[in-house]
Amino acid sequence: MYVESLTGTLSGAEGVRLPPVLRLRLTPDTVPEWLFDTVGKLGLKLQLSLDDADIDQAGQTGGKLIIPGIHGYGTTL
């Protein structure tokens, strides 16, 4: 899946629940400075959980995308 942007409330990191107080907007070109400083410079992968997320999907090749509870729409070309 190719994502233009992903916005949501941070609710967990590496499986540890966090209080939902921080709203993030992630794009391929921008990552919040505090997040990049934490893991980006080291080249680490970090699993984040987001609640109330909005995704702007640019495209998908192959496979079937399943996200429980998602409400979405699509267009055909």
PDB file of N, CA and C in Angstrom:
ATOM      1  N   MET A   1       0.846  -1.167   0.000  1.00  0.00           N
ATOM      2  CA  MET A   1       0.000   0.000   0.000  1.00  0.00           C
ATOM      3  C   MET A   1       0.894   1.235   0.000  1.00  0.00           C
ATOM      4  N   TYR A   2       0.556   2.166  -0.845  1.00  0.00           N
ATOM      5  CA  TYR A   2       1.265   3.432  -0.902  1.00  0.00           C
ATOM      6  C   TYR A   2       0.392   4.490  -0.232  1.00  0.00           C
ATOM      7  N   VAL A   3       0.919   5.136   0.796  1.00  0.00           N
ATOM      8  CA  VAL A   3       0.139   6.069   1.596  1.00  0.00           C
ATOM      9  C   VAL A   3       0.643   7.489   1.377  1.00  0.00           C
ATOM     10  N   GLU A   4      -0.286   8.402   1.096  1.00  0.00           N
ATOM     11  CA  GLU A   4       0.069   9.814   0.993  1.00  0.00           C
ATOM     12  C   GLU A   4       0.189  10.435   2.372  1.00  0.00           C
ATOM     13  N   SER A   5      -0.736  10.075   3.276  1.00  0.00           N
ATOM     14  CA  SER A   5      -0.632  10.559   4.653  1.00  0.00           C
ATOM     15  C   SER A   5      -1.413   9.641   5.583  1.00  0.00           C
ATOM     16  N   LEU A   6      -0.956   9.606   6.811  1.00  0.00           N
ATOM     17  CA  LEU A   6      -1.586   8.831   7.865  1.00  0.00           C
ATOM     18  C   LEU A   6      -1.662   9.731   9.082  1.00  0.00           C
ATOM     19  N   THR A   7      -2.879   9.967   9.570  1.00  0.00           N
ATOM     20  CA  THR A   7      -3.093  10.841  10.713  1.00  0.00           C
ATOM     21  C   THR A   7      -3.894  10.080  11.756  1.00  0.00           C
ATOM     22  N   GLY A   8      -3.476  10.143  13.002  1.00  0.00           N
ATOM     23  CA  GLY A   8      -4.213   9.467  14.058  1.00  0.00           C
ATOM     24  C   GLY A   8      -3.689   9.841  15.431  1.00  0.00           C
ATOM     25  N   THR A   9      -4.400   9.391  16.437  1.00  0.00           N
ATOM     26  CA  THR A   9      -4.014   9.637  17.821  1.00  0.00           C
ATOM     27  C   THR A   9      -3.125   8.487  18.290  1.00  0.00           C
ATOM     28  N   LEU A  10      -1.911   8.807  18.697  1.00  0.00           N
ATOM     29  CA  LEU A  10      -0.966   7.794  19.160  1.00  0.00           C
ATOM     30  C   LEU A  10      -1.522   7.126  20.416  1.00  0.00           C
ATOM     31  N   SER A  11      -1.705   5.795  20.349  1.00  0.00           N
ATOM     32  CA  SER A  11      -2.282   5.072  21.484  1.00  0.00           C
ATOM     33  C   SER A  11      -1.373   3.956  21.990  1.00  0.00           C
ATOM     34  N   GLY A  12      -0.231   3.739  21.305  1.00  0.00           N
ATOM     35  CA  GLY A  12       0.684   2.715  21.772  1.00  0.00           C
ATOM     36  C   GLY A  12       1.969   2.709  20.973  1.00  0.00           C
ATOM     37  N   ALA A  13       3.014   2.155  21.569  1.00  0.00           N
ATOM     38  CA  ALA A  13       4.307   2.002  20.903  1.00  0.00           C
ATOM     39  C   ALA A  13       4.906   0.672  21.348  1.00  0.00           C
ATOM     40  N   GLU A  14       5.264  -0.147  20.360  1.00  0.00           N
ATOM     41  CA  GLU A  14       5.846  -1.467  20.635  1.00  0.00           C
ATOM     42  C   GLU A  14       4.958  -2.299  21.572  1.00  0.00           C
ATOM     43  N   GLY A  15       3.639  -2.193  21.398  1.00  0.00           N
ATOM     44  CA  GLY A  15       2.706  -2.986  22.180  1.00  0.00           C
ATOM     45  C   GLY A  15       2.370  -2.431  23.556  1.00  0.00           C
ATOM     46  N   VAL A  16       2.965  -1.322  23.921  1.00  0.00           N
ATOM     47  CA  VAL A  16       2.697  -0.692  25.220  1.00  0.00           C
ATOM     48  C   VAL A  16       1.647   0.396  25.015  1.00  0.00           C
ATOM     49  N   ARG A  17       0.520   0.276  25.714  1.00  0.00           N
ATOM     50  CA  ARG A  17      -0.543   1.274  25.605  1.00  0.00           C
ATOM     51  C   ARG A  17      -0.077   2.616  26.171  1.00  0.00           C
ATOM     52  N   LEU A  18      -0.449   3.686  25.483  1.00  0.00           N
ATOM     53  CA  LEU A  18      -0.119   5.044  25.898  1.00  0.00           C
ATOM     54  C   LEU A  18      -1.410   5.838  26.043  1.00  0.00           C
ATOM     55  N   PRO A  19      -1.423   6.852  26.899  1.00  0.00           N
ATOM     56  CA  PRO A  19      -2.614   7.699  26.973  1.00  0.00           C
ATOM     57  C   PRO A  19      -2.794   8.428  25.638  1.00  0.00           C
ATOM     58  N   PRO A  20      -4.008   8.454  25.110  1.00  0.00           N
ATOM     59  CA  PRO A  20      -4.243   9.051  23.784  1.00  0.00           C
ATOM     60  C   PRO A  20      -4.275  10.575  23.833  1.00  0.00           C
ATOM     61  N   VAL A  21      -3.103  11.192  23.930  1.00  0.00           N
ATOM     62  CA  VAL A  21      -3.036  12.653  24.047  1.00  0.00           C
ATOM     63  C   VAL A  21      -2.293  13.315  22.882  1.00  0.00           C
ATOM     64  N   LEU A  22      -1.675  12.529  22.000  1.00  0.00           N
ATOM     65  CA  LEU A  22      -0.854  13.097  20.938  1.00  0.00           C
ATOM     66  C   LEU A  22      -1.401  12.698  19.576  1.00  0.00           C
ATOM     67  N   ARG A  23      -1.704  13.677  18.744  1.00  0.00           N
ATOM     68  CA  ARG A  23      -2.196  13.437  17.386  1.00  0.00           C
ATOM     69  C   ARG A  23      -1.008  13.564  16.433  1.00  0.00           C
ATOM     70  N   LEU A  24      -0.808  12.559  15.573  1.00  0.00           N
ATOM     71  CA  LEU A  24       0.309  12.538  14.634  1.00  0.00           C
ATOM     72  C   LEU A  24      -0.185  12.645  13.202  1.00  0.00           C
ATOM     73  N   ARG A  25       0.618  13.260  12.354  1.00  0.00           N
ATOM     74  CA  ARG A  25       0.393  13.233  10.904  1.00  0.00           C
ATOM     75  C   ARG A  25       1.705  12.793  10.275  1.00  0.00           C
ATOM     76  N   LEU A  26       1.660  11.652   9.622  1.00  0.00           N
ATOM     77  CA  LEU A  26       2.844  11.085   8.989  1.00  0.00           C
ATOM     78  C   LEU A  26       2.651  11.068   7.481  1.00  0.00           C
ATOM     79  N   THR A  27       3.687  11.462   6.749  1.00  0.00           N
ATOM     80  CA  THR A  27       3.705  11.369   5.296  1.00  0.00           C
ATOM     81  C   THR A  27       5.049  10.770   4.902  1.00  0.00           C
ATOM     82  N   PRO A  28       5.188  10.316   3.655  1.00  0.00           N
ATOM     83  CA  PRO A  28       6.491   9.773   3.245  1.00  0.00           C
ATOM     84  C   PRO A  28       7.634  10.777   3.360  1.00  0.00           C
ATOM     85  N   ASP A  29       7.312  12.069   3.271  1.00  0.00           N
ATOM     86  CA  ASP A  29       8.349  13.099   3.294  1.00  0.00           C
ATOM     87  C   ASP A  29       8.558  13.751   4.648  1.00  0.00           C
ATOM     88  N   THR A  30       7.607  13.570   5.564  1.00  0.00           N
ATOM     89  CA  THR A  30       7.725  14.242   6.853  1.00  0.00           C
ATOM     90  C   THR A  30       7.401  13.293   7.993  1.00  0.00           C
ATOM     91  N   VAL A  31       8.230  13.329   8.981  1.00  0.00           N
ATOM     92  CA  VAL A  31       8.024  12.595  10.227  1.00  0.00           C
ATOM     93  C   VAL A  31       8.238  13.619  11.336  1.00  0.00           C
ATOM     94  N   PRO A  32       7.405  13.609  12.388  1.00  0.00           N
ATOM     95  CA  PRO A  32       7.619  14.578  13.469  1.00  0.00           C
ATOM     96  C   PRO A  32       9.060  14.532  13.975  1.00  0.00           C
ATOM     97  N   GLU A  33       9.621  15.699  14.226  1.00  0.00           N
ATOM     98  CA  GLU A  33      11.032  15.811  14.619  1.00  0.00           C
ATOM     99  C   GLU A  33      11.354  14.950  15.836  1.00  0.00           C
ATOM    100  N   TRP A  34      10.477  14.954  16.856  1.00  0.00           N
ATOM    101  CA  TRP A  34      10.745  14.168  18.069  1.00  0.00           C
ATOM    102  C   TRP A  34      10.804  12.676  17.752  1.00  0.00           C
ATOM    103  N   LEU A  35       9.977  12.231  16.786  1.00  0.00           N
ATOM    104  CA  LEU A  35       9.972  10.810  16.429  1.00  0.00           C
ATOM    105  C   LEU A  35      11.223  10.460  15.630  1.00  0.00           C
ATOM    106  N   PHE A  36      11.599  11.327  14.688  1.00  0.00           N
ATOM    107  CA  PHE A  36      12.807  11.083  13.910  1.00  0.00           C
ATOM    108  C   PHE A  36      14.038  11.071  14.811  1.00  0.00           C
ATOM    109  N   ASP A  37      14.097  12.014  15.742  1.00  0.00           N
ATOM    110  CA  ASP A  37      15.243  12.066  16.649  1.00  0.00           C
ATOM    111  C   ASP A  37      15.321  10.816  17.520  1.00  0.00           C
ATOM    112  N   THR A  38      14.165  10.217  17.832  1.00  0.00           N
ATOM    113  CA  THR A  38      14.128   9.033  18.687  1.00  0.00           C
ATOM    114  C   THR A  38      14.569   7.775  17.942  1.00  0.00           C
ATOM    115  N   VAL A  39      14.041   7.542  16.742  1.00  0.00           N
ATOM    116  CA  VAL A  39      14.326   6.287  16.049  1.00  0.00           C
ATOM    117  C   VAL A  39      14.889   6.456  14.645  1.00  0.00           C
ATOM    118  N   GLY A  40      14.605   7.572  13.998  1.00  0.00           N
ATOM    119  CA  GLY A  40      15.002   7.751  12.606  1.00  0.00           C
ATOM    120  C   GLY A  40      16.492   7.780  12.373  1.00  0.00           C
ATOM    121  N   LYS A  41      17.214   8.467  13.205  1.00  0.00           N
ATOM    122  CA  LYS A  41      18.660   8.585  13.020  1.00  0.00           C
ATOM    123  C   LYS A  41      19.363   7.244  13.230  1.00  0.00           C
ATOM    124  N   LEU A  42      18.747   6.367  14.018  1.00  0.00           N
ATOM    125  CA  LEU A  42      19.343   5.060  14.287  1.00  0.00           C
ATOM    126  C   LEU A  42      18.914   4.002  13.281  1.00  0.00           C
ATOM    127  N   GLY A  43      17.948   4.341  12.427  1.00  0.00           N
ATOM    128  CA  GLY A  43      17.468   3.382  11.438  1.00  0.00           C
ATOM    129  C   GLY A  43      16.655   2.246  12.042  1.00  0.00           C
ATOM    130  N   LEU A  44      16.042   2.488  13.188  1.00  0.00           N
ATOM    131  CA  LEU A  44      15.242   1.469  13.860  1.00  0.00           C
ATOM    132  C   LEU A  44      13.818   1.467  13.330  1.00  0.00           C
ATOM    133  N   LYS A  45      13.169   0.310  13.431  1.00  0.00           N
ATOM    134  CA  LYS A  45      11.749   0.212  13.118  1.00  0.00           C
ATOM    135  C   LYS A  45      10.989   0.276  14.428  1.00  0.00           C
ATOM    136  N   LEU A  46       9.913   1.027  14.444  1.00  0.00           N
ATOM    137  CA  LEU A  46       9.113   1.212  15.643  1.00  0.00           C
ATOM    138  C   LEU A  46       7.652   0.962  15.295  1.00  0.00           C
ATOM    139  N   GLN A  47       7.021   0.040  16.010  1.00  0.00           N
ATOM    140  CA  GLN A  47       5.612  -0.254  15.785  1.00  0.00           C
ATOM    141  C   GLN A  47       4.768   0.701  16.612  1.00  0.00           C
ATOM    142  N   LEU A  48       3.981   1.520  15.924  1.00  0.00           N
ATOM    143  CA  LEU A  48       3.106   2.483  16.578  1.00  0.00           C
ATOM    144  C   LEU A  48       1.660   2.058  16.384  1.00  0.00           C
ATOM    145  N   SER A  49       0.825   2.328  17.375  1.00  0.00           N
ATOM    146  CA  SER A  49      -0.611   2.101  17.263  1.00  0.00           C
ATOM    147  C   SER A  49      -1.302   3.454  17.249  1.00  0.00           C
ATOM    148  N   LEU A  50      -2.243   3.604  16.318  1.00  0.00           N
ATOM    149  CA  LEU A  50      -2.993   4.849  16.200  1.00  0.00           C
ATOM    150  C   LEU A  50      -4.474   4.552  16.329  1.00  0.00           C
ATOM    151  N   ASP A  51      -5.180   5.375  17.082  1.00  0.00           N
ATOM    152  CA  ASP A  51      -6.639   5.311  17.158  1.00  0.00           C
ATOM    153  C   ASP A  51      -7.200   6.458  16.336  1.00  0.00           C
ATOM    154  N   ASP A  52      -8.452   6.317  15.928  1.00  0.00           N
ATOM    155  CA  ASP A  52      -9.144   7.368  15.180  1.00  0.00           C
ATOM    156  C   ASP A  52      -8.287   7.829  14.002  1.00  0.00           C
ATOM    157  N   ALA A  53      -7.800   6.862  13.210  1.00  0.00           N
ATOM    158  CA  ALA A  53      -6.858   7.159  12.133  1.00  0.00           C
ATOM    159  C   ALA A  53      -7.558   7.485  10.822  1.00  0.00           C
ATOM    160  N   ASP A  54      -6.954   8.385  10.072  1.00  0.00           N
ATOM    161  CA  ASP A  54      -7.382   8.735   8.720  1.00  0.00           C
ATOM    162  C   ASP A  54      -6.223   8.436   7.787  1.00  0.00           C
ATOM    163  N   ILE A  55      -6.520   7.755   6.679  1.00  0.00           N
ATOM    164  CA  ILE A  55      -5.489   7.369   5.721  1.00  0.00           C
ATOM    165  C   ILE A  55      -5.843   7.939   4.364  1.00  0.00           C
ATOM    166  N   ASP A  56      -4.897   8.605   3.738  1.00  0.00           N
ATOM    167  CA  ASP A  56      -5.026   8.996   2.340  1.00  0.00           C
ATOM    168  C   ASP A  56      -4.166   8.033   1.556  1.00  0.00           C
ATOM    169  N   GLN A  57      -4.807   7.059   0.921  1.00  0.00           N
ATOM    170  CA  GLN A  57      -4.091   6.004   0.206  1.00  0.00           C
ATOM    171  C   GLN A  57      -3.882   6.424  -1.236  1.00  0.00           C
ATOM    172  N   ALA A  58      -2.636   6.336  -1.691  1.00  0.00           N
ATOM    173  CA  ALA A  58      -2.311   6.714  -3.054  1.00  0.00           C
ATOM    174  C   ALA A  58      -2.488   5.544  -4.014  1.00  0.00           C
ATOM    175  N   GLY A  59      -2.328   4.335  -3.539  1.00  0.00           N
ATOM    176  CA  GLY A  59      -2.466   3.181  -4.413  1.00  0.00           C
ATOM    177  C   GLY A  59      -2.113   1.896  -3.700  1.00  0.00           C
ATOM    178  N   GLN A  60      -2.434   0.797  -4.338  1.00  0.00           N
ATOM    179  CA  GLN A  60      -2.141  -0.525  -3.775  1.00  0.00           C
ATOM    180  C   GLN A  60      -1.887  -1.471  -4.926  1.00  0.00           C
ATOM    181  N   THR A  61      -0.861  -2.276  -4.806  1.00  0.00           N
ATOM    182  CA  THR A  61      -0.578  -3.263  -5.839  1.00  0.00           C
ATOM    183  C   THR A  61      -0.661  -4.644  -5.226  1.00  0.00           C
ATOM    184  N   GLY A  62      -1.486  -5.475  -5.820  1.00  0.00           N
ATOM    185  CA  GLY A  62      -1.621  -6.863  -5.378  1.00  0.00           C
ATOM    186  C   GLY A  62      -2.224  -7.005  -4.000  1.00  0.00           C
ATOM    187  N   GLY A  63      -2.655  -8.180  -3.692  1.00  0.00           N
ATOM    188  CA  GLY A  63      -3.145  -8.497  -2.363  1.00  0.00           C
ATOM    189  C   GLY A  63      -4.475  -7.852  -2.031  1.00  0.00           C
ATOM    190  N   LYS A  64      -4.917  -8.116  -0.824  1.00  0.00           N
ATOM    191  CA  LYS A  64      -6.178  -7.584  -0.329  1.00  0.00           C
ATOM    192  C   LYS A  64      -5.917  -6.915   1.008  1.00  0.00           C
ATOM    193  N   LEU A  65      -6.286  -5.671   1.137  1.00  0.00           N
ATOM    194  CA  LEU A  65      -6.078  -4.903   2.353  1.00  0.00           C
ATOM    195  C   LEU A  65      -7.281  -5.083   3.266  1.00  0.00           C
ATOM    196  N   ILE A  66      -7.034  -5.551   4.488  1.00  0.00           N
ATOM    197  CA  ILE A  66      -8.097  -5.738   5.470  1.00  0.00           C
ATOM    198  C   ILE A  66      -7.706  -4.987   6.736  1.00  0.00           C
ATOM    199  N   ILE A  67      -8.528  -4.033   7.118  1.00  0.00           N
ATOM    200  CA  ILE A  67      -8.308  -3.285   8.353  1.00  0.00           C
ATOM    201  C   ILE A  67      -9.613  -3.355   9.141  1.00  0.00           C
ATOM    202  N   PRO A  68      -9.621  -4.071  10.274  1.00  0.00           N
ATOM    203  CA  PRO A  68     -10.853  -4.203  11.046  1.00  0.00           C
ATOM    204  C   PRO A  68     -11.413  -2.844  11.461  1.00  0.00           C
ATOM    205  N   GLY A  69     -12.707  -2.659  11.256  1.00  0.00           N
ATOM    206  CA  GLY A  69     -13.379  -1.443  11.692  1.00  0.00           C
ATOM    207  C   GLY A  69     -13.193  -0.246  10.785  1.00  0.00           C
ATOM    208  N   ILE A  70     -12.504  -0.404   9.660  1.00  0.00           N
ATOM    209  CA  ILE A  70     -12.260   0.752   8.799  1.00  0.00           C
ATOM    210  C   ILE A  70     -13.517   1.096   8.000  1.00  0.00           C
ATOM    211  N   HIS A  71     -13.730   2.383   7.808  1.00  0.00           N
ATOM    212  CA  HIS A  71     -14.803   2.880   6.966  1.00  0.00           C
ATOM    213  C   HIS A  71     -14.128   3.641   5.836  1.00  0.00           C
ATOM    214  N   GLY A  72     -14.276   3.159   4.636  1.00  0.00           N
ATOM    215  CA  GLY A  72     -13.562   3.804   3.543  1.00  0.00           C
ATOM    216  C   GLY A  72     -14.418   3.891   2.293  1.00  0.00           C
ATOM    217  N   TYR A  73     -13.825   4.450   1.279  1.00  0.00           N
ATOM    218  CA  TYR A  73     -14.477   4.564  -0.013  1.00  0.00           C
ATOM    219  C   TYR A  73     -13.405   4.381  -1.080  1.00  0.00           C
ATOM    220  N   GLY A  74     -13.823   4.084  -2.269  1.00  0.00           N
ATOM    221  CA  GLY A  74     -12.860   3.890  -3.347  1.00  0.00           C
ATOM    222  C   GLY A  74     -13.356   4.507  -4.632  1.00  0.00           C
ATOM    223  N   THR A  75     -12.450   4.637  -5.564  1.00  0.00           N
ATOM    224  CA  THR A  75     -12.781   5.121  -6.887  1.00  0.00           C
ATOM    225  C   THR A  75     -12.194   4.176  -7.903  1.00  0.00           C
ATOM    226  N   THR A  76     -12.758   4.126  -9.049  1.00  0.00           N
ATOM    227  CA  THR A  76     -12.210   3.304 -10.126  1.00  0.00           C
ATOM    228  C   THR A  76     -11.804   4.216 -11.259  1.00  0.00           C
ATOM    229  N   LEU A  77     -10.801   3.784 -11.977  1.00  0.00           N
ATOM    230  CA  LEU A  77     -10.311   4.594 -13.104  1.00  0.00           C
ATOM    231  C   LEU A  77     -10.868   4.075 -14.397  1.00  0.00           C
TER     232      LEU A  77
END
